[in-house]
Full PDB file with SEQRES, HELIX, SHEET, SSBOND, CRYST1, ORIGX, SCALE, CONECT and MASTER records, all heavy atoms in Angstrom:
SEQRES   1 A   32  GLY MET PHE ALA THR HIS GLY SER ARG ALA CYS ALA ASN          
SEQRES   2 A   32  CYS GLY GLY SER SER ARG VAL PRO ARG LEU GLY VAL ARG          
SEQRES   3 A   32  LEU PHE LEU ASN GLN SER                                      
HELIX    1 AA1 LEU A   23  PHE A   28  1                                   6    
CRYST1    1.000    1.000    1.000  90.00  90.00  90.00 P 1           1          
ORIGX1      1.000000  0.000000  0.000000        0.00000                         
ORIGX2      0.000000  1.000000  0.000000        0.00000                         
ORIGX3      0.000000  0.000000  1.000000        0.00000                         
SCALE1      1.000000  0.000000  0.000000        0.00000                         
SCALE2      0.000000  1.000000  0.000000        0.00000                         
SCALE3      0.000000  0.000000  1.000000        0.00000                         
ATOM      1  N   GLY A   1      40.853  23.210 -89.062  1.00  0.00           N  
ATOM      2  CA  GLY A   1      39.618  23.008 -88.321  1.00  0.00           C  
ATOM      3  C   GLY A   1      39.680  21.779 -87.445  1.00  0.00           C  
ATOM      4  O   GLY A   1      40.427  20.833 -87.716  1.00  0.00           O  
ATOM      5  N   MET A   2      38.884  21.764 -86.382  1.00  0.00           N  
ATOM      6  CA  MET A   2      38.896  20.632 -85.466  1.00  0.00           C  
ATOM      7  C   MET A   2      38.169  19.432 -86.073  1.00  0.00           C  
ATOM      8  O   MET A   2      38.640  18.301 -85.983  1.00  0.00           O  
ATOM      9  CB  MET A   2      38.221  21.012 -84.148  1.00  0.00           C  
ATOM     10  CG  MET A   2      38.262  19.893 -83.125  1.00  0.00           C  
ATOM     11  SD  MET A   2      37.378  20.270 -81.614  1.00  0.00           S  
ATOM     12  CE  MET A   2      38.369  21.580 -80.960  1.00  0.00           C  
ATOM     13  N   PHE A   3      37.043  19.678 -86.718  1.00  0.00           N  
ATOM     14  CA  PHE A   3      36.260  18.579 -87.284  1.00  0.00           C  
ATOM     15  C   PHE A   3      36.574  18.370 -88.763  1.00  0.00           C  
ATOM     16  O   PHE A   3      36.756  17.252 -89.202  1.00  0.00           O  
ATOM     17  CB  PHE A   3      34.769  18.842 -87.088  1.00  0.00           C  
ATOM     18  CG  PHE A   3      34.394  18.928 -85.633  1.00  0.00           C  
ATOM     19  CD1 PHE A   3      34.008  20.126 -85.085  1.00  0.00           C  
ATOM     20  CD2 PHE A   3      34.457  17.813 -84.821  1.00  0.00           C  
ATOM     21  CE1 PHE A   3      33.672  20.221 -83.744  1.00  0.00           C  
ATOM     22  CE2 PHE A   3      34.140  17.888 -83.482  1.00  0.00           C  
ATOM     23  CZ  PHE A   3      33.736  19.096 -82.932  1.00  0.00           C  
ATOM     24  N   ALA A   4      36.646  19.459 -89.518  1.00  0.00           N  
ATOM     25  CA  ALA A   4      36.968  19.368 -90.940  1.00  0.00           C  
ATOM     26  C   ALA A   4      38.456  19.691 -91.092  1.00  0.00           C  
ATOM     27  O   ALA A   4      38.844  20.817 -91.379  1.00  0.00           O  
ATOM     28  CB  ALA A   4      36.119  20.328 -91.749  1.00  0.00           C  
ATOM     29  N   THR A   5      39.300  18.701 -90.868  1.00  0.00           N  
ATOM     30  CA  THR A   5      40.746  18.939 -90.835  1.00  0.00           C  
ATOM     31  C   THR A   5      41.331  19.243 -92.206  1.00  0.00           C  
ATOM     32  O   THR A   5      42.478  19.686 -92.284  1.00  0.00           O  
ATOM     33  CB  THR A   5      41.475  17.734 -90.226  1.00  0.00           C  
ATOM     34  OG1 THR A   5      41.154  16.566 -90.983  1.00  0.00           O  
ATOM     35  CG2 THR A   5      41.069  17.539 -88.782  1.00  0.00           C  
ATOM     36  N   HIS A   6      40.588  19.027 -93.260  1.00  0.00           N  
ATOM     37  CA  HIS A   6      41.104  19.348 -94.596  1.00  0.00           C  
ATOM     38  C   HIS A   6      41.015  20.856 -94.874  1.00  0.00           C  
ATOM     39  O   HIS A   6      41.721  21.363 -95.724  1.00  0.00           O  
ATOM     40  CB  HIS A   6      40.327  18.567 -95.669  1.00  0.00           C  
ATOM     41  CG  HIS A   6      38.857  18.908 -95.677  1.00  0.00           C  
ATOM     42  ND1 HIS A   6      37.973  18.342 -94.779  1.00  0.00           N  
ATOM     43  CD2 HIS A   6      38.145  19.757 -96.439  1.00  0.00           C  
ATOM     44  CE1 HIS A   6      36.767  18.830 -95.013  1.00  0.00           C  
ATOM     45  NE2 HIS A   6      36.835  19.688 -96.016  1.00  0.00           N  
ATOM     46  N   GLY A   7      40.155  21.555 -94.162  1.00  0.00           N  
ATOM     47  CA  GLY A   7      40.008  22.994 -94.354  1.00  0.00           C  
ATOM     48  C   GLY A   7      40.928  23.766 -93.413  1.00  0.00           C  
ATOM     49  O   GLY A   7      41.307  23.284 -92.353  1.00  0.00           O  
ATOM     50  N   SER A   8      41.280  24.945 -93.831  1.00  0.00           N  
ATOM     51  CA  SER A   8      42.109  25.771 -92.969  1.00  0.00           C  
ATOM     52  C   SER A   8      41.749  27.240 -93.180  1.00  0.00           C  
ATOM     53  O   SER A   8      41.129  27.609 -94.171  1.00  0.00           O  
ATOM     54  CB  SER A   8      43.590  25.550 -93.243  1.00  0.00           C  
ATOM     55  OG  SER A   8      43.928  25.985 -94.535  1.00  0.00           O  
ATOM     56  N   ARG A   9      42.148  28.049 -92.214  1.00  0.00           N  
ATOM     57  CA  ARG A   9      41.916  29.479 -92.293  1.00  0.00           C  
ATOM     58  C   ARG A   9      43.135  30.182 -91.715  1.00  0.00           C  
ATOM     59  O   ARG A   9      44.008  29.543 -91.140  1.00  0.00           O  
ATOM     60  CB  ARG A   9      40.665  29.864 -91.515  1.00  0.00           C  
ATOM     61  CG  ARG A   9      40.742  29.503 -90.045  1.00  0.00           C  
ATOM     62  CD  ARG A   9      39.502  29.971 -89.295  1.00  0.00           C  
ATOM     63  NE  ARG A   9      39.412  29.389 -87.981  1.00  0.00           N  
ATOM     64  CZ  ARG A   9      40.075  29.802 -86.901  1.00  0.00           C  
ATOM     65  NH1 ARG A   9      40.906  30.810 -86.994  1.00  0.00           N  
ATOM     66  NH2 ARG A   9      39.917  29.217 -85.740  1.00  0.00           N  
ATOM     67  N   ALA A  10      43.188  31.480 -91.891  1.00  0.00           N  
ATOM     68  CA  ALA A  10      44.306  32.241 -91.332  1.00  0.00           C  
ATOM     69  C   ALA A  10      44.250  32.172 -89.813  1.00  0.00           C  
ATOM     70  O   ALA A  10      43.187  32.206 -89.207  1.00  0.00           O  
ATOM     71  CB  ALA A  10      44.248  33.693 -91.796  1.00  0.00           C  
ATOM     72  N   CYS A  11      45.394  32.074 -89.199  1.00  0.00           N  
ATOM     73  CA  CYS A  11      45.493  32.011 -87.741  1.00  0.00           C  
ATOM     74  C   CYS A  11      44.979  33.316 -87.146  1.00  0.00           C  
ATOM     75  O   CYS A  11      45.337  34.406 -87.589  1.00  0.00           O  
ATOM     76  CB  CYS A  11      46.943  31.772 -87.335  1.00  0.00           C  
ATOM     77  SG  CYS A  11      47.219  31.797 -85.566  1.00  0.00           S  
ATOM     78  N   ALA A  12      44.137  33.217 -86.126  1.00  0.00           N  
ATOM     79  CA  ALA A  12      43.564  34.407 -85.501  1.00  0.00           C  
ATOM     80  C   ALA A  12      44.602  35.149 -84.657  1.00  0.00           C  
ATOM     81  O   ALA A  12      44.501  36.356 -84.469  1.00  0.00           O  
ATOM     82  CB  ALA A  12      42.378  34.014 -84.637  1.00  0.00           C  
ATOM     83  N   ASN A  13      45.605  34.450 -84.160  1.00  0.00           N  
ATOM     84  CA  ASN A  13      46.597  35.081 -83.299  1.00  0.00           C  
ATOM     85  C   ASN A  13      47.586  35.934 -84.096  1.00  0.00           C  
ATOM     86  O   ASN A  13      47.879  37.063 -83.722  1.00  0.00           O  
ATOM     87  CB  ASN A  13      47.349  34.013 -82.502  1.00  0.00           C  
ATOM     88  CG  ASN A  13      48.223  34.594 -81.430  1.00  0.00           C  
ATOM     89  OD1 ASN A  13      47.878  35.595 -80.816  1.00  0.00           O  
ATOM     90  ND2 ASN A  13      49.356  33.974 -81.207  1.00  0.00           N  
ATOM     91  N   CYS A  14      48.103  35.409 -85.193  1.00  0.00           N  
ATOM     92  CA  CYS A  14      49.119  36.133 -85.968  1.00  0.00           C  
ATOM     93  C   CYS A  14      48.561  36.742 -87.246  1.00  0.00           C  
ATOM     94  O   CYS A  14      49.282  37.444 -87.959  1.00  0.00           O  
ATOM     95  CB  CYS A  14      50.287  35.208 -86.302  1.00  0.00           C  
ATOM     96  SG  CYS A  14      49.866  33.823 -87.372  1.00  0.00           S  
ATOM     97  N   GLY A  15      47.320  36.488 -87.573  1.00  0.00           N  
ATOM     98  CA  GLY A  15      46.711  37.040 -88.776  1.00  0.00           C  
ATOM     99  C   GLY A  15      47.232  36.414 -90.056  1.00  0.00           C  
ATOM    100  O   GLY A  15      47.134  37.010 -91.119  1.00  0.00           O  
ATOM    101  N   GLY A  16      47.827  35.233 -89.966  1.00  0.00           N  
ATOM    102  CA  GLY A  16      48.345  34.549 -91.138  1.00  0.00           C  
ATOM    103  C   GLY A  16      49.800  34.857 -91.434  1.00  0.00           C  
ATOM    104  O   GLY A  16      50.364  34.330 -92.384  1.00  0.00           O  
ATOM    105  N   SER A  17      50.436  35.699 -90.637  1.00  0.00           N  
ATOM    106  CA  SER A  17      51.836  36.049 -90.908  1.00  0.00           C  
ATOM    107  C   SER A  17      52.817  35.031 -90.341  1.00  0.00           C  
ATOM    108  O   SER A  17      53.984  35.059 -90.688  1.00  0.00           O  
ATOM    109  CB  SER A  17      52.153  37.428 -90.328  1.00  0.00           C  
ATOM    110  OG  SER A  17      52.148  37.375 -88.926  1.00  0.00           O  
ATOM    111  N   SER A  18      52.384  34.172 -89.439  1.00  0.00           N  
ATOM    112  CA  SER A  18      53.155  33.130 -88.758  1.00  0.00           C  
ATOM    113  C   SER A  18      54.158  33.700 -87.765  1.00  0.00           C  
ATOM    114  O   SER A  18      54.942  32.965 -87.202  1.00  0.00           O  
ATOM    115  CB  SER A  18      53.864  32.200 -89.748  1.00  0.00           C  
ATOM    116  OG  SER A  18      54.985  32.828 -90.336  1.00  0.00           O  
ATOM    117  N   ARG A  19      54.144  35.013 -87.539  1.00  0.00           N  
ATOM    118  CA  ARG A  19      55.088  35.623 -86.605  1.00  0.00           C  
ATOM    119  C   ARG A  19      54.357  36.579 -85.673  1.00  0.00           C  
ATOM    120  O   ARG A  19      53.431  37.259 -86.080  1.00  0.00           O  
ATOM    121  CB  ARG A  19      56.155  36.385 -87.378  1.00  0.00           C  
ATOM    122  CG  ARG A  19      56.956  35.489 -88.283  1.00  0.00           C  
ATOM    123  CD  ARG A  19      57.690  36.249 -89.347  1.00  0.00           C  
ATOM    124  NE  ARG A  19      58.463  37.344 -88.826  1.00  0.00           N  
ATOM    125  CZ  ARG A  19      59.788  37.414 -88.872  1.00  0.00           C  
ATOM    126  NH1 ARG A  19      60.459  36.453 -89.419  1.00  0.00           N  
ATOM    127  NH2 ARG A  19      60.407  38.451 -88.380  1.00  0.00           N  
ATOM    128  N   VAL A  20      54.799  36.614 -84.431  1.00  0.00           N  
ATOM    129  CA  VAL A  20      54.247  37.526 -83.435  1.00  0.00           C  
ATOM    130  C   VAL A  20      55.394  38.244 -82.728  1.00  0.00           C  
ATOM    131  O   VAL A  20      56.506  37.717 -82.658  1.00  0.00           O  
ATOM    132  CB  VAL A  20      53.357  36.783 -82.406  1.00  0.00           C  
ATOM    133  CG1 VAL A  20      52.111  36.232 -83.052  1.00  0.00           C  
ATOM    134  CG2 VAL A  20      54.126  35.681 -81.725  1.00  0.00           C  
ATOM    135  N   PRO A  21      55.158  39.441 -82.207  1.00  0.00           N  
ATOM    136  CA  PRO A  21      56.224  40.149 -81.493  1.00  0.00           C  
ATOM    137  C   PRO A  21      56.627  39.415 -80.217  1.00  0.00           C  
ATOM    138  O   PRO A  21      55.794  38.826 -79.534  1.00  0.00           O  
ATOM    139  CB  PRO A  21      55.601  41.495 -81.138  1.00  0.00           C  
ATOM    140  CG  PRO A  21      54.409  41.627 -82.000  1.00  0.00           C  
ATOM    141  CD  PRO A  21      53.963  40.262 -82.345  1.00  0.00           C  
ATOM    142  N   ARG A  22      57.910  39.426 -79.910  1.00  0.00           N  
ATOM    143  CA  ARG A  22      58.405  38.837 -78.674  1.00  0.00           C  
ATOM    144  C   ARG A  22      57.913  39.644 -77.481  1.00  0.00           C  
ATOM    145  O   ARG A  22      57.533  40.806 -77.611  1.00  0.00           O  
ATOM    146  CB  ARG A  22      59.927  38.815 -78.675  1.00  0.00           C  
ATOM    147  CG  ARG A  22      60.493  37.826 -79.660  1.00  0.00           C  
ATOM    148  CD  ARG A  22      61.971  37.974 -79.861  1.00  0.00           C  
ATOM    149  NE  ARG A  22      62.751  37.895 -78.633  1.00  0.00           N  
ATOM    150  CZ  ARG A  22      64.047  38.167 -78.573  1.00  0.00           C  
ATOM    151  NH1 ARG A  22      64.694  38.531 -79.662  1.00  0.00           N  
ATOM    152  NH2 ARG A  22      64.696  38.082 -77.436  1.00  0.00           N  
ATOM    153  N   LEU A  23      57.941  39.038 -76.301  1.00  0.00           N  
ATOM    154  CA  LEU A  23      57.452  39.688 -75.092  1.00  0.00           C  
ATOM    155  C   LEU A  23      58.190  40.991 -74.818  1.00  0.00           C  
ATOM    156  O   LEU A  23      57.587  41.991 -74.475  1.00  0.00           O  
ATOM    157  CB  LEU A  23      57.599  38.748 -73.894  1.00  0.00           C  
ATOM    158  CG  LEU A  23      57.232  39.343 -72.536  1.00  0.00           C  
ATOM    159  CD1 LEU A  23      55.752  39.674 -72.505  1.00  0.00           C  
ATOM    160  CD2 LEU A  23      57.597  38.393 -71.434  1.00  0.00           C  
ATOM    161  N   GLY A  24      59.477  41.016 -74.988  1.00  0.00           N  
ATOM    162  CA  GLY A  24      60.245  42.222 -74.727  1.00  0.00           C  
ATOM    163  C   GLY A  24      59.897  43.359 -75.666  1.00  0.00           C  
ATOM    164  O   GLY A  24      59.995  44.530 -75.298  1.00  0.00           O  
ATOM    165  N   VAL A  25      59.479  43.042 -76.873  1.00  0.00           N  
ATOM    166  CA  VAL A  25      59.076  44.080 -77.834  1.00  0.00           C  
ATOM    167  C   VAL A  25      57.858  44.803 -77.295  1.00  0.00           C  
ATOM    168  O   VAL A  25      57.760  46.023 -77.360  1.00  0.00           O  
ATOM    169  CB  VAL A  25      58.789  43.463 -79.219  1.00  0.00           C  
ATOM    170  CG1 VAL A  25      58.150  44.473 -80.146  1.00  0.00           C  
ATOM    171  CG2 VAL A  25      60.069  42.923 -79.820  1.00  0.00           C  
ATOM    172  N   ARG A  26      56.945  44.055 -76.732  1.00  0.00           N  
ATOM    173  CA  ARG A  26      55.740  44.660 -76.170  1.00  0.00           C  
ATOM    174  C   ARG A  26      56.063  45.530 -74.966  1.00  0.00           C  
ATOM    175  O   ARG A  26      55.383  46.515 -74.711  1.00  0.00           O  
ATOM    176  CB  ARG A  26      54.752  43.572 -75.769  1.00  0.00           C  
ATOM    177  CG  ARG A  26      54.260  42.782 -76.953  1.00  0.00           C  
ATOM    178  CD  ARG A  26      53.317  41.682 -76.518  1.00  0.00           C  
ATOM    179  NE  ARG A  26      53.389  40.618 -77.501  1.00  0.00           N  
ATOM    180  CZ  ARG A  26      53.368  39.332 -77.221  1.00  0.00           C  
ATOM    181  NH1 ARG A  26      53.274  38.930 -75.975  1.00  0.00           N  
ATOM    182  NH2 ARG A  26      53.451  38.444 -78.158  1.00  0.00           N  
ATOM    183  N   LEU A  27      57.103  45.192 -74.230  1.00  0.00           N  
ATOM    184  CA  LEU A  27      57.423  45.927 -73.007  1.00  0.00           C  
ATOM    185  C   LEU A  27      58.398  47.079 -73.226  1.00  0.00           C  
ATOM    186  O   LEU A  27      58.226  48.153 -72.661  1.00  0.00           O  
ATOM    187  CB  LEU A  27      58.025  44.968 -71.974  1.00  0.00           C  
ATOM    188  CG  LEU A  27      57.112  43.872 -71.454  1.00  0.00           C  
ATOM    189  CD1 LEU A  27      57.883  42.948 -70.529  1.00  0.00           C  
ATOM    190  CD2 LEU A  27      55.924  44.454 -70.737  1.00  0.00           C  
ATOM    191  N   PHE A  28      59.447  46.866 -74.035  1.00  0.00           N  
ATOM    192  CA  PHE A  28      60.550  47.820 -74.107  1.00  0.00           C  
ATOM    193  C   PHE A  28      60.633  48.625 -75.400  1.00  0.00           C  
ATOM    194  O   PHE A  28      61.279  49.659 -75.429  1.00  0.00           O  
ATOM    195  CB  PHE A  28      61.883  47.103 -73.910  1.00  0.00           C  
ATOM    196  CG  PHE A  28      61.982  46.370 -72.611  1.00  0.00           C  
ATOM    197  CD1 PHE A  28      62.223  45.021 -72.585  1.00  0.00           C  
ATOM    198  CD2 PHE A  28      61.823  47.041 -71.416  1.00  0.00           C  
ATOM    199  CE1 PHE A  28      62.322  44.344 -71.389  1.00  0.00           C  
ATOM    200  CE2 PHE A  28      61.911  46.375 -70.213  1.00  0.00           C  
ATOM    201  CZ  PHE A  28      62.162  45.023 -70.198  1.00  0.00           C  
ATOM    202  N   LEU A  29      60.033  48.159 -76.481  1.00  0.00           N  
ATOM    203  CA  LEU A  29      60.146  48.851 -77.764  1.00  0.00           C  
ATOM    204  C   LEU A  29      58.786  49.346 -78.214  1.00  0.00           C  
ATOM    205  O   LEU A  29      57.754  48.854 -77.796  1.00  0.00           O  
ATOM    206  CB  LEU A  29      60.734  47.918 -78.828  1.00  0.00           C  
ATOM    207  CG  LEU A  29      62.122  47.363 -78.551  1.00  0.00           C  
ATOM    208  CD1 LEU A  29      62.526  46.423 -79.667  1.00  0.00           C  
ATOM    209  CD2 LEU A  29      63.143  48.459 -78.410  1.00  0.00           C  
ATOM    210  N   ASN A  30      58.794  50.293 -79.127  1.00  0.00           N  
ATOM    211  CA  ASN A  30      57.568  50.826 -79.685  1.00  0.00           C  
ATOM    212  C   ASN A  30      57.049  49.834 -80.722  1.00  0.00           C  
ATOM    213  O   ASN A  30      57.567  49.758 -81.832  1.00  0.00           O  
ATOM    214  CB  ASN A  30      57.826  52.198 -80.310  1.00  0.00           C  
ATOM    215  CG  ASN A  30      56.561  52.850 -80.782  1.00  0.00           C  
ATOM    216  OD1 ASN A  30      55.478  52.298 -80.645  1.00  0.00           O  
ATOM    217  ND2 ASN A  30      56.700  54.028 -81.339  1.00  0.00           N  
ATOM    218  N   GLN A  31      56.022  49.086 -80.373  1.00  0.00           N  
ATOM    219  CA  GLN A  31      55.522  48.028 -81.236  1.00  0.00           C  
ATOM    220  C   GLN A  31      54.884  48.557 -82.518  1.00  0.00           C  
ATOM    221  O   GLN A  31      54.874  47.899 -83.533  1.00  0.00           O  
ATOM    222  CB  GLN A  31      54.508  47.177 -80.477  1.00  0.00           C  
ATOM    223  CG  GLN A  31      54.049  45.941 -81.210  1.00  0.00           C  
ATOM    224  CD  GLN A  31      53.126  45.095 -80.379  1.00  0.00           C  
ATOM    225  OE1 GLN A  31      52.906  45.359 -79.201  1.00  0.00           O  
ATOM    226  NE2 GLN A  31      52.545  44.091 -80.979  1.00  0.00           N  
ATOM    227  N   SER A  32      54.392  49.783 -82.496  1.00  0.00           N  
ATOM    228  CA  SER A  32      53.720  50.331 -83.674  1.00  0.00           C  
ATOM    229  C   SER A  32      54.699  50.558 -84.831  1.00  0.00           C  
ATOM    230  O   SER A  32      54.297  50.594 -85.987  1.00  0.00           O  
ATOM    231  CB  SER A  32      53.004  51.623 -83.324  1.00  0.00           C  
ATOM    232  OG  SER A  32      53.945  52.601 -82.934  1.00  0.00           O  
TER     233      SER A  32                                                      
MASTER        0    0    0    1    0    0    0    6  232    1    0    3          
END                                                                             
């Protein structure tokens, strides 16, 4: 959190997995 830095939540971008697909995966491979 920005104000309560002791608290945390799952990342909204990766959903808590800490990994996201690379750009080429989105363009050239079946992401599903």
